[in-house]
Amino acid sequence: MNKLFSNWDELVFEYRHKDYGAFLLRYNYPFYLTVSALVVLFLFVSGMVGPGLFKEKITESSKKVKVIDYTELKAAPPIEKIDLPKPAAAKYVAPKVVEEEVKEEEMLPTMDEASAAVDAPILDEVPVQEEEVETVVVVAPPPEPEPEPEPEPVPDIIKDPEFPGGSAALTKWLSKNLNYPAMASRMGIEGKVVVEFTVDEEGKISEAAVVEPLHKLCDNEAIRLVKSMPAWIPGEKNGVKTRQKYKLPIRFILQ
């Protein structure tokens, strides 16, 4: 440790290889830093001073005024004169005297003479014989009687099928006989299932089908519930019992 070192890099790389580049990079780092700072400073000064110098040169060039010496201009060319021909003088023609009599032109008739000629009777006009016209009387046929208006069709009176006891009894029966599927209850499934079925003339239910499904478990329970309902009061059309379709919504609500 008695050896004197010129800088810190020599102390760090005393027992290390110096040919890999790390030593040179650390050794020349102050030089590169100084050069970089000078370059940045030069660019900064050039950016601040340069535009002002260029602006002064541009203003000086724009202020230059071109002076024109009018004495150096050439004189305008002379105007060329064009001689126009003079108009010919009118000649006098002396009248000729002849011995023959000159016939005068016929004068047109005046308005009074023309109107008198028009009003004068025409002697050569042949009288026109009046033809006898036969009068024909046409008797119109009597008007046809207007057709009687057709009677307006009477709308059909349709009565929908009904659960025995009305809608209140139907709601009570559904809530009493509905078995909520356990799996659907654990899954938290709620909603509405619409079942369409047919009520025949005797009130029996058939052809039950789901038209608005919710879940397979709930759909199957709705079909079972509809098929287990008692006979309905059949629907009517104009007082006659008929076979009709009916849509019933069944709601699944968790308590």
Protein backbone atom coordinates (compact mmCIF):
# COMPACT_ATOMS: atom_id res chain seq x y z
CA MET A 1 0.00 0.00 0.00
CA ASN A 2 3.07 2.25 -0.10
CA LYS A 3 2.63 2.75 -3.86
CA LEU A 4 1.28 6.17 -4.91
CA PHE A 5 -1.58 6.27 -7.41
CA SER A 6 -2.32 9.15 -9.78
CA ASN A 7 -6.10 8.74 -9.66
CA TRP A 8 -8.85 6.60 -8.23
CA ASP A 9 -9.12 4.34 -11.35
CA GLU A 10 -5.55 3.11 -10.97
CA LEU A 11 -6.27 2.21 -7.36
CA VAL A 12 -9.42 0.26 -8.35
CA PHE A 13 -7.72 -1.60 -11.24
CA GLU A 14 -4.39 -2.28 -9.45
CA TYR A 15 -4.66 -6.07 -9.54
CA ARG A 16 -7.16 -6.34 -12.45
CA HIS A 17 -6.91 -6.67 -16.20
CA LYS A 18 -7.08 -3.25 -17.90
CA ASP A 19 -7.42 -4.35 -21.54
CA TYR A 20 -11.18 -5.17 -21.53
CA GLY A 21 -12.25 -1.54 -21.89
CA ALA A 22 -13.71 -0.81 -18.49
CA PHE A 23 -10.53 0.92 -17.32
CA LEU A 24 -10.36 3.11 -20.47
CA LEU A 25 -14.01 4.06 -20.18
CA ARG A 26 -13.65 5.15 -16.57
CA TYR A 27 -10.28 6.81 -17.28
CA ASN A 28 -11.55 8.86 -20.27
CA TYR A 29 -14.95 9.63 -18.75
CA PRO A 30 -14.00 13.19 -17.57
CA PHE A 31 -12.70 14.04 -21.05
CA TYR A 32 -15.85 12.81 -22.79
CA LEU A 33 -18.03 14.64 -20.27
CA THR A 34 -16.19 17.92 -20.89
CA VAL A 35 -16.44 17.56 -24.68
CA SER A 36 -20.15 16.77 -24.48
CA ALA A 37 -20.78 19.81 -22.27
CA LEU A 38 -18.91 22.07 -24.71
CA VAL A 39 -20.87 20.70 -27.69
CA VAL A 40 -24.19 21.25 -25.92
CA LEU A 41 -23.13 24.76 -24.94
CA PHE A 42 -22.12 25.53 -28.53
CA LEU A 43 -25.44 24.30 -29.89
CA PHE A 44 -27.36 26.29 -27.29
CA VAL A 45 -25.48 29.51 -28.10
CA SER A 46 -25.90 28.91 -31.85
CA GLY A 47 -29.64 28.42 -31.39
CA MET A 48 -29.94 31.66 -29.42
CA VAL A 49 -27.70 33.87 -31.56
CA GLY A 50 -28.18 32.35 -35.04
CA PRO A 51 -31.79 33.42 -35.70
CA GLY A 52 -30.95 37.02 -34.78
CA LEU A 53 -28.06 37.14 -37.26
CA PHE A 54 -30.14 35.64 -40.07
CA LYS A 55 -32.99 38.04 -39.29
CA GLU A 56 -30.66 41.06 -39.58
CA LYS A 57 -29.38 39.84 -42.95
CA ILE A 58 -32.93 39.33 -44.24
CA THR A 59 -34.05 42.79 -43.07
CA GLU A 60 -30.99 44.42 -44.66
CA SER A 61 -31.67 42.68 -47.99
CA SER A 62 -35.35 43.67 -47.85
CA LYS A 63 -34.50 47.31 -47.13
CA LYS A 64 -32.50 47.67 -50.34
CA VAL A 65 -34.36 49.89 -52.80
CA LYS A 66 -33.66 49.74 -56.49
CA VAL A 67 -33.08 53.23 -57.94
CA ILE A 68 -34.14 53.77 -61.54
CA ASP A 69 -32.55 56.55 -63.59
CA TYR A 70 -35.21 57.85 -65.97
CA THR A 71 -32.57 59.48 -68.14
CA GLU A 72 -31.41 56.03 -69.19
CA LEU A 73 -34.85 55.04 -70.49
CA LYS A 74 -35.36 54.96 -74.26
CA ALA A 75 -37.74 57.40 -75.92
CA ALA A 76 -41.13 56.14 -77.08
CA PRO A 77 -41.43 55.34 -80.81
CA PRO A 78 -43.19 58.02 -82.94
CA ILE A 79 -46.85 57.61 -83.73
CA GLU A 80 -47.38 56.54 -87.34
CA LYS A 81 -49.91 58.66 -89.23
CA ILE A 82 -52.46 56.87 -91.40
CA ASP A 83 -54.02 58.81 -94.33
CA LEU A 84 -57.71 57.91 -94.73
CA PRO A 85 -59.32 58.30 -98.20
CA LYS A 86 -61.61 61.28 -98.56
CA PRO A 87 -65.30 60.57 -99.30
CA ALA A 88 -66.41 61.05 -102.89
CA ALA A 89 -68.47 64.18 -103.59
CA ALA A 90 -72.17 63.75 -104.57
CA LYS A 91 -72.87 64.31 -108.25
CA TYR A 92 -75.83 66.36 -109.50
CA VAL A 93 -78.02 64.62 -112.11
CA ALA A 94 -80.08 66.92 -114.30
CA PRO A 95 -83.73 65.88 -115.01
CA LYS A 96 -84.62 64.65 -118.52
CA VAL A 97 -87.60 66.08 -120.48
CA VAL A 98 -89.60 63.53 -122.53
CA GLU A 99 -92.58 63.99 -124.85
CA GLU A 100 -94.48 60.82 -123.79
CA GLU A 101 -97.17 61.06 -121.13
CA VAL A 102 -96.22 59.46 -117.83
CA LYS A 103 -98.99 57.38 -116.30
CA GLU A 104 -99.75 58.10 -112.70
CA GLU A 105 -99.84 55.24 -110.19
CA GLU A 106 -103.25 54.05 -109.01
CA MET A 107 -104.22 55.42 -105.63
CA LEU A 108 -105.42 53.05 -102.92
CA PRO A 109 -109.08 53.45 -101.84
CA THR A 110 -109.82 55.30 -98.63
CA MET A 111 -111.39 53.73 -95.53
CA ASP A 112 -114.83 55.19 -96.35
CA GLU A 113 -114.75 53.79 -99.90
CA ALA A 114 -113.70 50.35 -98.65
CA SER A 115 -116.49 50.22 -96.03
CA ALA A 116 -119.10 51.33 -98.60
CA ALA A 117 -118.01 48.56 -100.95
CA VAL A 118 -118.38 45.97 -98.20
CA ASP A 119 -121.89 47.14 -97.19
CA ALA A 120 -123.16 47.08 -100.80
CA PRO A 121 -125.65 44.21 -101.58
CA ILE A 122 -124.35 41.28 -103.58
CA LEU A 123 -126.63 40.67 -106.57
CA ASP A 124 -125.19 37.29 -107.52
CA GLU A 125 -125.89 35.76 -104.09
CA VAL A 126 -128.12 32.66 -104.28
CA PRO A 127 -130.80 32.36 -101.56
CA VAL A 128 -130.33 29.41 -99.26
CA GLN A 129 -133.32 27.17 -98.75
CA GLU A 130 -134.04 26.23 -95.15
CA GLU A 131 -134.18 22.48 -94.53
CA GLU A 132 -136.92 20.99 -92.42
CA VAL A 133 -135.61 19.48 -89.19
CA GLU A 134 -137.40 16.44 -87.80
CA THR A 135 -137.82 16.55 -84.05
CA VAL A 136 -137.23 13.22 -82.28
CA VAL A 137 -138.33 12.83 -78.66
CA VAL A 138 -136.22 10.31 -76.71
CA VAL A 139 -137.87 8.85 -73.63
CA ALA A 140 -135.34 7.88 -70.93
CA PRO A 141 -135.85 4.48 -69.29
CA PRO A 142 -136.97 4.47 -65.67
CA PRO A 143 -134.11 4.43 -63.15
CA GLU A 144 -133.15 1.06 -61.80
CA PRO A 145 -133.95 0.50 -58.13
CA GLU A 146 -130.97 0.86 -55.85
CA PRO A 147 -129.79 -2.43 -54.35
CA GLU A 148 -130.55 -2.89 -50.73
CA PRO A 149 -127.50 -2.59 -48.50
CA GLU A 150 -126.14 -5.87 -47.27
CA PRO A 151 -126.53 -6.40 -43.56
CA GLU A 152 -123.34 -5.90 -41.59
CA PRO A 153 -121.87 -9.16 -40.29
CA VAL A 154 -122.52 -9.75 -36.65
CA PRO A 155 -119.23 -10.34 -34.77
CA ASP A 156 -118.82 -13.69 -33.12
CA ILE A 157 -119.29 -13.80 -29.38
CA ILE A 158 -116.38 -15.80 -28.00
CA LYS A 159 -116.04 -16.82 -24.38
CA ASP A 160 -112.62 -18.06 -23.22
CA PRO A 161 -112.28 -21.23 -21.16
CA GLU A 162 -112.18 -20.66 -17.41
CA PHE A 163 -110.87 -22.45 -14.34
CA PRO A 164 -113.64 -23.51 -11.95
CA GLY A 165 -114.07 -20.63 -9.51
CA GLY A 166 -112.33 -17.99 -11.65
CA SER A 167 -108.83 -16.52 -11.68
CA ALA A 168 -108.63 -16.22 -7.88
CA ALA A 169 -109.29 -19.95 -7.47
CA LEU A 170 -106.71 -20.71 -10.18
CA THR A 171 -104.01 -18.68 -8.41
CA LYS A 172 -104.77 -20.38 -5.10
CA TRP A 173 -104.65 -23.84 -6.69
CA LEU A 174 -101.31 -23.17 -8.43
CA SER A 175 -99.62 -21.87 -5.27
CA LYS A 176 -100.90 -24.88 -3.29
CA ASN A 177 -99.88 -27.59 -5.79
CA LEU A 178 -96.61 -26.08 -7.14
CA ASN A 179 -93.54 -28.11 -6.11
CA TYR A 180 -90.49 -25.83 -6.49
CA PRO A 181 -87.60 -27.99 -7.82
CA ALA A 182 -84.94 -28.34 -5.10
CA MET A 183 -82.05 -27.97 -7.53
CA ALA A 184 -83.59 -24.81 -9.05
CA SER A 185 -84.14 -23.43 -5.55
CA ARG A 186 -80.48 -24.00 -4.61
CA MET A 187 -79.38 -22.38 -7.89
CA GLY A 188 -81.58 -19.34 -7.17
CA ILE A 189 -83.60 -19.68 -10.40
CA GLU A 190 -86.68 -17.44 -10.50
CA GLY A 191 -88.97 -16.35 -13.29
CA LYS A 192 -92.01 -17.23 -15.39
CA VAL A 193 -92.93 -20.22 -17.54
CA VAL A 194 -95.77 -19.84 -20.07
CA VAL A 195 -97.60 -23.06 -20.94
CA GLU A 196 -100.06 -23.33 -23.83
CA PHE A 197 -102.72 -26.07 -23.72
CA THR A 198 -106.06 -26.97 -25.31
CA VAL A 199 -109.41 -27.12 -23.52
CA ASP A 200 -111.90 -29.29 -25.40
CA GLU A 201 -115.71 -29.16 -25.40
CA GLU A 202 -115.85 -31.19 -22.15
CA GLY A 203 -113.24 -29.04 -20.35
CA LYS A 204 -110.43 -31.63 -20.51
CA ILE A 205 -106.83 -30.36 -20.90
CA SER A 206 -104.53 -31.70 -23.63
CA GLU A 207 -101.58 -30.76 -25.86
CA ALA A 208 -99.73 -28.93 -23.07
CA ALA A 209 -96.44 -27.34 -24.27
CA VAL A 210 -94.01 -24.68 -23.01
CA VAL A 211 -93.95 -21.57 -25.25
CA GLU A 212 -91.77 -19.36 -22.97
CA PRO A 213 -89.23 -21.53 -21.11
CA LEU A 214 -87.25 -20.61 -17.98
CA HIS A 215 -85.20 -23.67 -16.98
CA LYS A 216 -85.60 -27.35 -17.76
CA LEU A 217 -86.47 -28.18 -14.15
CA CYS A 218 -89.04 -25.38 -13.92
CA ASP A 219 -90.45 -26.20 -17.39
CA ASN A 220 -91.05 -29.84 -16.44
CA GLU A 221 -92.76 -28.81 -13.19
CA ALA A 222 -95.04 -26.39 -15.10
CA ILE A 223 -96.09 -29.13 -17.55
CA ARG A 224 -96.80 -31.51 -14.66
CA LEU A 225 -98.84 -28.87 -12.86
CA VAL A 226 -100.99 -28.13 -15.93
CA LYS A 227 -101.67 -31.77 -16.66
CA SER A 228 -102.77 -32.37 -13.04
CA MET A 229 -105.36 -29.53 -13.05
CA PRO A 230 -109.06 -30.42 -12.79
CA ALA A 231 -111.40 -30.03 -15.76
CA TRP A 232 -112.05 -26.43 -16.86
CA ILE A 233 -115.24 -24.74 -17.95
CA PRO A 234 -115.03 -25.00 -21.80
CA GLY A 235 -115.04 -21.96 -24.02
CA GLU A 236 -117.97 -20.92 -26.19
CA LYS A 237 -118.51 -19.34 -29.61
CA ASN A 238 -121.95 -17.80 -30.19
CA GLY A 239 -123.30 -19.88 -27.31
CA VAL A 240 -121.85 -23.18 -28.55
CA LYS A 241 -119.06 -24.96 -26.66
CA THR A 242 -115.89 -25.10 -28.73
CA ARG A 243 -112.33 -26.39 -28.51
CA GLN A 244 -109.95 -23.49 -27.69
CA LYS A 245 -106.30 -22.90 -26.82
CA TYR A 246 -105.26 -21.12 -23.65
CA LYS A 247 -101.93 -19.67 -22.43
CA LEU A 248 -101.23 -19.85 -18.70
CA PRO A 249 -98.22 -18.07 -17.05
CA ILE A 250 -96.80 -19.94 -14.04
CA ARG A 251 -94.40 -17.97 -11.82
CA PHE A 252 -91.54 -19.46 -9.80
CA ILE A 253 -90.68 -17.12 -6.91
CA LEU A 254 -88.36 -18.02 -4.04
CA GLN A 255 -89.77 -17.24 -0.60
